[in-house]
Amino acid sequence: MGKRKLKAGDRVIFESHDEHCLPFQQVGIVKRYIYPHFHPDGYIEIVDKAGDTILYGEAGKGIQKAK
């Protein structure tokens, strides 16, 4: 993700894995994005439509803004 800055409310798509370790594309909404100067990617919290957290942690390179 590099120096890209996402904002709360942005719709994003990222790769996730099911219980059998098979990859699939997951869509969510950025709830919180913290971008400290000392971390190259920042930290992100992504929620689903119901508001449940589906990803929380380092904002890796696989997170892209959905079109």
PDB file of N, CA and C in Angstrom:
ATOM      1  N   MET A   1       0.832  -1.181   0.000  1.00  0.00           N
ATOM      2  CA  MET A   1       0.000   0.000   0.000  1.00  0.00           C
ATOM      3  C   MET A   1       0.872   1.237   0.000  1.00  0.00           C
ATOM      4  N   GLY A   2       2.056   1.198   0.547  1.00  0.00           N
ATOM      5  CA  GLY A   2       2.989   2.317   0.491  1.00  0.00           C
ATOM      6  C   GLY A   2       2.491   3.570   1.180  1.00  0.00           C
ATOM      7  N   LYS A   3       2.666   4.694   0.529  1.00  0.00           N
ATOM      8  CA  LYS A   3       2.312   5.986   1.127  1.00  0.00           C
ATOM      9  C   LYS A   3       0.861   6.388   0.852  1.00  0.00           C
ATOM     10  N   ARG A   4       0.063   5.492   0.289  1.00  0.00           N
ATOM     11  CA  ARG A   4      -1.342   5.800  -0.002  1.00  0.00           C
ATOM     12  C   ARG A   4      -2.107   5.998   1.296  1.00  0.00           C
ATOM     13  N   LYS A   5      -2.945   6.967   1.335  1.00  0.00           N
ATOM     14  CA  LYS A   5      -3.728   7.230   2.537  1.00  0.00           C
ATOM     15  C   LYS A   5      -5.202   6.988   2.261  1.00  0.00           C
ATOM     16  N   LEU A   6      -5.774   6.045   2.960  1.00  0.00           N
ATOM     17  CA  LEU A   6      -7.203   5.777   2.874  1.00  0.00           C
ATOM     18  C   LEU A   6      -7.907   6.572   3.956  1.00  0.00           C
ATOM     19  N   LYS A   7      -9.185   6.821   3.740  1.00  0.00           N
ATOM     20  CA  LYS A   7      -9.976   7.576   4.707  1.00  0.00           C
ATOM     21  C   LYS A   7     -11.107   6.702   5.228  1.00  0.00           C
ATOM     22  N   ALA A   8     -11.572   7.023   6.401  1.00  0.00           N
ATOM     23  CA  ALA A   8     -12.731   6.324   6.958  1.00  0.00           C
ATOM     24  C   ALA A   8     -13.899   6.468   5.990  1.00  0.00           C
ATOM     25  N   GLY A   9     -14.576   5.364   5.749  1.00  0.00           N
ATOM     26  CA  GLY A   9     -15.710   5.368   4.825  1.00  0.00           C
ATOM     27  C   GLY A   9     -15.360   4.880   3.432  1.00  0.00           C
ATOM     28  N   ASP A  10     -14.063   4.782   3.106  1.00  0.00           N
ATOM     29  CA  ASP A  10     -13.653   4.274   1.794  1.00  0.00           C
ATOM     30  C   ASP A  10     -13.985   2.789   1.696  1.00  0.00           C
ATOM     31  N   ARG A  11     -14.487   2.384   0.536  1.00  0.00           N
ATOM     32  CA  ARG A  11     -14.766   0.977   0.268  1.00  0.00           C
ATOM     33  C   ARG A  11     -13.498   0.349  -0.286  1.00  0.00           C
ATOM     34  N   VAL A  12     -13.075  -0.777   0.273  1.00  0.00           N
ATOM     35  CA  VAL A  12     -11.827  -1.422  -0.133  1.00  0.00           C
ATOM     36  C   VAL A  12     -12.066  -2.893  -0.455  1.00  0.00           C
ATOM     37  N   ILE A  13     -11.125  -3.452  -1.215  1.00  0.00           N
ATOM     38  CA  ILE A  13     -11.139  -4.869  -1.546  1.00  0.00           C
ATOM     39  C   ILE A  13      -9.777  -5.441  -1.186  1.00  0.00           C
ATOM     40  N   PHE A  14      -9.772  -6.652  -0.647  1.00  0.00           N
ATOM     41  CA  PHE A  14      -8.514  -7.276  -0.246  1.00  0.00           C
ATOM     42  C   PHE A  14      -8.664  -8.791  -0.285  1.00  0.00           C
ATOM     43  N   GLU A  15      -7.536  -9.485  -0.352  1.00  0.00           N
ATOM     44  CA  GLU A  15      -7.552 -10.938  -0.373  1.00  0.00           C
ATOM     45  C   GLU A  15      -7.602 -11.479   1.046  1.00  0.00           C
ATOM     46  N   SER A  16      -8.473 -12.442   1.237  1.00  0.00           N
ATOM     47  CA  SER A  16      -8.592 -13.101   2.525  1.00  0.00           C
ATOM     48  C   SER A  16      -8.540 -14.608   2.278  1.00  0.00           C
ATOM     49  N   HIS A  17      -8.667 -15.404   3.322  1.00  0.00           N
ATOM     50  CA  HIS A  17      -8.624 -16.860   3.195  1.00  0.00           C
ATOM     51  C   HIS A  17      -9.746 -17.485   4.019  1.00  0.00           C
ATOM     52  N   ASP A  18     -10.345 -18.543   3.463  1.00  0.00           N
ATOM     53  CA  ASP A  18     -11.409 -19.229   4.196  1.00  0.00           C
ATOM     54  C   ASP A  18     -10.820 -20.263   5.162  1.00  0.00           C
ATOM     55  N   GLU A  19     -11.688 -21.062   5.770  1.00  0.00           N
ATOM     56  CA  GLU A  19     -11.228 -22.031   6.769  1.00  0.00           C
ATOM     57  C   GLU A  19     -10.376 -23.157   6.173  1.00  0.00           C
ATOM     58  N   HIS A  20     -10.389 -23.287   4.839  1.00  0.00           N
ATOM     59  CA  HIS A  20      -9.562 -24.289   4.159  1.00  0.00           C
ATOM     60  C   HIS A  20      -8.319 -23.664   3.535  1.00  0.00           C
ATOM     61  N   CYS A  21      -8.017 -22.433   3.924  1.00  0.00           N
ATOM     62  CA  CYS A  21      -6.853 -21.673   3.435  1.00  0.00           C
ATOM     63  C   CYS A  21      -6.935 -21.354   1.943  1.00  0.00           C
ATOM     64  N   LEU A  22      -8.134 -21.333   1.400  1.00  0.00           N
ATOM     65  CA  LEU A  22      -8.311 -20.959  -0.005  1.00  0.00           C
ATOM     66  C   LEU A  22      -8.539 -19.458  -0.091  1.00  0.00           C
ATOM     67  N   PRO A  23      -7.848 -18.775  -1.002  1.00  0.00           N
ATOM     68  CA  PRO A  23      -7.983 -17.323  -1.110  1.00  0.00           C
ATOM     69  C   PRO A  23      -9.298 -16.901  -1.767  1.00  0.00           C
ATOM     70  N   PHE A  24      -9.810 -15.758  -1.349  1.00  0.00           N
ATOM     71  CA  PHE A  24     -10.984 -15.147  -1.989  1.00  0.00           C
ATOM     72  C   PHE A  24     -10.916 -13.643  -1.771  1.00  0.00           C
ATOM     73  N   GLN A  25     -11.613 -12.893  -2.609  1.00  0.00           N
ATOM     74  CA  GLN A  25     -11.643 -11.438  -2.513  1.00  0.00           C
ATOM     75  C   GLN A  25     -12.742 -11.022  -1.541  1.00  0.00           C
ATOM     76  N   GLN A  26     -12.395 -10.165  -0.598  1.00  0.00           N
ATOM     77  CA  GLN A  26     -13.347  -9.685   0.391  1.00  0.00           C
ATOM     78  C   GLN A  26     -13.464  -8.168   0.260  1.00  0.00           C
ATOM     79  N   VAL A  27     -14.672  -7.669   0.455  1.00  0.00           N
ATOM     80  CA  VAL A  27     -14.939  -6.229   0.353  1.00  0.00           C
ATOM     81  C   VAL A  27     -15.358  -5.719   1.723  1.00  0.00           C
ATOM     82  N   GLY A  28     -14.898  -4.532   2.072  1.00  0.00           N
ATOM     83  CA  GLY A  28     -15.266  -3.934   3.344  1.00  0.00           C
ATOM     84  C   GLY A  28     -15.151  -2.422   3.290  1.00  0.00           C
ATOM     85  N   ILE A  29     -15.399  -1.793   4.406  1.00  0.00           N
ATOM     86  CA  ILE A  29     -15.364  -0.336   4.539  1.00  0.00           C
ATOM     87  C   ILE A  29     -14.345   0.024   5.609  1.00  0.00           C
ATOM     88  N   VAL A  30     -13.497   0.995   5.304  1.00  0.00           N
ATOM     89  CA  VAL A  30     -12.486   1.437   6.265  1.00  0.00           C
ATOM     90  C   VAL A  30     -13.188   2.142   7.419  1.00  0.00           C
ATOM     91  N   LYS A  31     -12.979   1.625   8.619  1.00  0.00           N
ATOM     92  CA  LYS A  31     -13.530   2.274   9.820  1.00  0.00           C
ATOM     93  C   LYS A  31     -12.497   3.213  10.419  1.00  0.00           C
ATOM     94  N   ARG A  32     -11.256   2.736  10.474  1.00  0.00           N
ATOM     95  CA  ARG A  32     -10.184   3.510  11.081  1.00  0.00           C
ATOM     96  C   ARG A  32      -8.907   3.235  10.317  1.00  0.00           C
ATOM     97  N   TYR A  33      -8.144   4.282  10.028  1.00  0.00           N
ATOM     98  CA  TYR A  33      -6.854   4.120   9.358  1.00  0.00           C
ATOM     99  C   TYR A  33      -5.853   5.022  10.050  1.00  0.00           C
ATOM    100  N   ILE A  34      -4.882   4.413  10.706  1.00  0.00           N
ATOM    101  CA  ILE A  34      -3.857   5.161  11.445  1.00  0.00           C
ATOM    102  C   ILE A  34      -2.577   5.098  10.633  1.00  0.00           C
ATOM    103  N   TYR A  35      -2.002   6.234  10.353  1.00  0.00           N
ATOM    104  CA  TYR A  35      -0.818   6.292   9.504  1.00  0.00           C
ATOM    105  C   TYR A  35       0.307   7.025  10.226  1.00  0.00           C
ATOM    106  N   PRO A  36       0.986   6.356  11.167  1.00  0.00           N
ATOM    107  CA  PRO A  36       2.089   7.016  11.870  1.00  0.00           C
ATOM    108  C   PRO A  36       3.285   7.203  10.939  1.00  0.00           C
ATOM    109  N   HIS A  37       4.065   8.222  11.174  1.00  0.00           N
ATOM    110  CA  HIS A  37       5.197   8.544  10.307  1.00  0.00           C
ATOM    111  C   HIS A  37       6.274   7.461  10.297  1.00  0.00           C
ATOM    112  N   PHE A  38       6.342   6.644  11.351  1.00  0.00           N
ATOM    113  CA  PHE A  38       7.395   5.633  11.448  1.00  0.00           C
ATOM    114  C   PHE A  38       7.018   4.294  10.814  1.00  0.00           C
ATOM    115  N   HIS A  39       5.794   4.134  10.330  1.00  0.00           N
ATOM    116  CA  HIS A  39       5.357   2.862   9.759  1.00  0.00           C
ATOM    117  C   HIS A  39       5.047   3.053   8.275  1.00  0.00           C
ATOM    118  N   PRO A  40       5.613   2.226   7.397  1.00  0.00           N
ATOM    119  CA  PRO A  40       5.447   2.444   5.956  1.00  0.00           C
ATOM    120  C   PRO A  40       4.023   2.263   5.430  1.00  0.00           C
ATOM    121  N   ASP A  41       3.230   1.381   6.046  1.00  0.00           N
ATOM    122  CA  ASP A  41       1.890   1.105   5.534  1.00  0.00           C
ATOM    123  C   ASP A  41       0.762   1.597   6.429  1.00  0.00           C
ATOM    124  N   GLY A  42       1.008   1.723   7.709  1.00  0.00           N
ATOM    125  CA  GLY A  42      -0.025   2.130   8.642  1.00  0.00           C
ATOM    126  C   GLY A  42      -0.812   0.942   9.170  1.00  0.00           C
ATOM    127  N   TYR A  43      -1.803   1.240   9.977  1.00  0.00           N
ATOM    128  CA  TYR A  43      -2.663   0.232  10.580  1.00  0.00           C
ATOM    129  C   TYR A  43      -4.096   0.539  10.186  1.00  0.00           C
ATOM    130  N   ILE A  44      -4.904  -0.521   9.976  1.00  0.00           N
ATOM    131  CA  ILE A  44      -6.241  -0.319   9.445  1.00  0.00           C
ATOM    132  C   ILE A  44      -7.250  -1.220  10.151  1.00  0.00           C
ATOM    133  N   GLU A  45      -8.485  -0.731  10.235  1.00  0.00           N
ATOM    134  CA  GLU A  45      -9.609  -1.551  10.684  1.00  0.00           C
ATOM    135  C   GLU A  45     -10.657  -1.483   9.588  1.00  0.00           C
ATOM    136  N   ILE A  46     -11.067  -2.660   9.094  1.00  0.00           N
ATOM    137  CA  ILE A  46     -12.066  -2.747   8.030  1.00  0.00           C
ATOM    138  C   ILE A  46     -13.267  -3.494   8.580  1.00  0.00           C
ATOM    139  N   VAL A  47     -14.466  -2.975   8.297  1.00  0.00           N
ATOM    140  CA  VAL A  47     -15.708  -3.581   8.779  1.00  0.00           C
ATOM    141  C   VAL A  47     -16.584  -3.978   7.594  1.00  0.00           C
ATOM    142  N   ASP A  48     -17.529  -4.887   7.857  1.00  0.00           N
ATOM    143  CA  ASP A  48     -18.490  -5.262   6.819  1.00  0.00           C
ATOM    144  C   ASP A  48     -19.706  -4.345   6.902  1.00  0.00           C
ATOM    145  N   LYS A  49     -20.738  -4.632   6.110  1.00  0.00           N
ATOM    146  CA  LYS A  49     -21.934  -3.778   6.072  1.00  0.00           C
ATOM    147  C   LYS A  49     -22.640  -3.684   7.426  1.00  0.00           C
ATOM    148  N   ALA A  50     -22.540  -4.747   8.217  1.00  0.00           N
ATOM    149  CA  ALA A  50     -23.183  -4.772   9.531  1.00  0.00           C
ATOM    150  C   ALA A  50     -22.364  -4.049  10.600  1.00  0.00           C
ATOM    151  N   GLY A  51     -21.130  -3.653  10.258  1.00  0.00           N
ATOM    152  CA  GLY A  51     -20.276  -2.965  11.217  1.00  0.00           C
ATOM    153  C   GLY A  51     -19.358  -3.880  12.000  1.00  0.00           C
ATOM    154  N   ASP A  52     -19.352  -5.169  11.661  1.00  0.00           N
ATOM    155  CA  ASP A  52     -18.473  -6.125  12.331  1.00  0.00           C
ATOM    156  C   ASP A  52     -17.068  -6.043  11.744  1.00  0.00           C
ATOM    157  N   THR A  53     -16.059  -6.086  12.590  1.00  0.00           N
ATOM    158  CA  THR A  53     -14.670  -6.013  12.142  1.00  0.00           C
ATOM    159  C   THR A  53     -14.305  -7.286  11.386  1.00  0.00           C
ATOM    160  N   ILE A  54     -13.770  -7.117  10.155  1.00  0.00           N
ATOM    161  CA  ILE A  54     -13.336  -8.272   9.370  1.00  0.00           C
ATOM    162  C   ILE A  54     -11.827  -8.266   9.161  1.00  0.00           C
ATOM    163  N   LEU A  55     -11.175  -7.127   9.394  1.00  0.00           N
ATOM    164  CA  LEU A  55      -9.719  -7.059   9.319  1.00  0.00           C
ATOM    165  C   LEU A  55      -9.232  -5.960  10.241  1.00  0.00           C
ATOM    166  N   TYR A  56      -8.237  -6.278  11.056  1.00  0.00           N
ATOM    167  CA  TYR A  56      -7.656  -5.294  11.951  1.00  0.00           C
ATOM    168  C   TYR A  56      -6.165  -5.586  12.052  1.00  0.00           C
ATOM    169  N   GLY A  57      -5.346  -4.630  11.699  1.00  0.00           N
ATOM    170  CA  GLY A  57      -3.902  -4.839  11.786  1.00  0.00           C
ATOM    171  C   GLY A  57      -3.152  -3.990  10.787  1.00  0.00           C
ATOM    172  N   GLU A  58      -1.978  -4.472  10.375  1.00  0.00           N
ATOM    173  CA  GLU A  58      -1.160  -3.726   9.432  1.00  0.00           C
ATOM    174  C   GLU A  58      -1.864  -3.634   8.084  1.00  0.00           C
ATOM    175  N   ALA A  59      -1.791  -2.471   7.494  1.00  0.00           N
ATOM    176  CA  ALA A  59      -2.390  -2.251   6.183  1.00  0.00           C
ATOM    177  C   ALA A  59      -1.400  -2.716   5.125  1.00  0.00           C
ATOM    178  N   GLY A  60      -1.560  -3.937   4.675  1.00  0.00           N
ATOM    179  CA  GLY A  60      -0.620  -4.516   3.734  1.00  0.00           C
ATOM    180  C   GLY A  60      -0.838  -4.057   2.301  1.00  0.00           C
ATOM    181  N   LYS A  61       0.013  -4.531   1.434  1.00  0.00           N
ATOM    182  CA  LYS A  61      -0.002  -4.133   0.037  1.00  0.00           C
ATOM    183  C   LYS A  61      -1.234  -4.650  -0.710  1.00  0.00           C
ATOM    184  N   GLY A  62      -1.914  -5.660  -0.197  1.00  0.00           N
ATOM    185  CA  GLY A  62      -3.064  -6.247  -0.889  1.00  0.00           C
ATOM    186  C   GLY A  62      -4.351  -5.469  -0.744  1.00  0.00           C
ATOM    187  N   ILE A  63      -4.375  -4.418   0.048  1.00  0.00           N
ATOM    188  CA  ILE A  63      -5.606  -3.636   0.251  1.00  0.00           C
ATOM    189  C   ILE A  63      -5.673  -2.556  -0.820  1.00  0.00           C
ATOM    190  N   GLN A  64      -6.780  -2.566  -1.591  1.00  0.00           N
ATOM    191  CA  GLN A  64      -6.944  -1.589  -2.657  1.00  0.00           C
ATOM    192  C   GLN A  64      -8.303  -0.921  -2.519  1.00  0.00           C
ATOM    193  N   LYS A  65      -8.369   0.331  -2.933  1.00  0.00           N
ATOM    194  CA  LYS A  65      -9.627   1.052  -2.933  1.00  0.00           C
ATOM    195  C   LYS A  65     -10.529   0.449  -4.010  1.00  0.00           C
ATOM    196  N   ALA A  66     -11.766   0.096  -3.640  1.00  0.00           N
ATOM    197  CA  ALA A  66     -12.711  -0.492  -4.587  1.00  0.00           C
ATOM    198  C   ALA A  66     -13.270   0.592  -5.497  1.00  0.00           C
ATOM    199  N   LYS A  67     -13.557   0.197  -6.710  1.00  0.00           N
ATOM    200  CA  LYS A  67     -14.107   1.152  -7.690  1.00  0.00           C
ATOM    201  C   LYS A  67     -15.593   1.159  -7.696  1.00  0.00           C
TER     202      LYS A  67
END
